Amino acid sequence: MTIPLPDFSGMSDDEALAYATDFLTRLEDVVGRTPDDTEMLDGIRRLPEGTVGALGFILYGVPAIFRPEQAEGETGTVVFALDDGERTVRFCMEFLPGECRVTEPPADPDAVIRLSFAVFLRIAFKFMDGNDAYLAGLTDVTGDVFLATHLDQWFGVPGDALTDEATAARLASGARS
């Protein structure tokens, strides 16, 4: 399944920024105030973008919220298999010196992390630590466990992407009609 990225075409720069800010604020609110996974996913499904659209928003900003100084030169590929109760969505984060890219899953990744979409969102928005989720049995990791359980420390929260110049430029280039 291809994960749709946000479509800002036909919007001015200010409209696109306002739309993205509003969506990520609503998403973080649902994640932060809802301790029950089913209730959280129901709340996200009620958002116009739904669960797959929410994931698209987060992945769109991944390059901007990656903190290479925290990764300390680690490299590798990590495949995520996220279960939202209706489907499993797979994507890969490829870590290179100084950057992170979201790609299609390779045949032989360094690690595979299987987790619920709700747990992924709690980790992404810093309501939960990836290592704690692993130790609590909320994730299933194969391959490089160290890489898989520490990579959440290499990122800011999704809303940080809106203050990054590169993301703002990408958003603006897609926001012109």
Foldseek 3Di string as FASTA:
>chain_A
DDQDADFQEQAALVRLLVVLLVVLVQLLVLLVPDPDLVSSQVSQCPPPLHLSHVVNLLQLLFFVFFALVQVVQDWWKEWEFEAAPPHTDIWIWTDGRPTIHIGRDDPDTQKYKYAYSSVVLCLQQVVDAQLVCVVVVRIDMDHDVVCRRPRSVRGDHSVSSSVGPVSSVVSNVSNYD
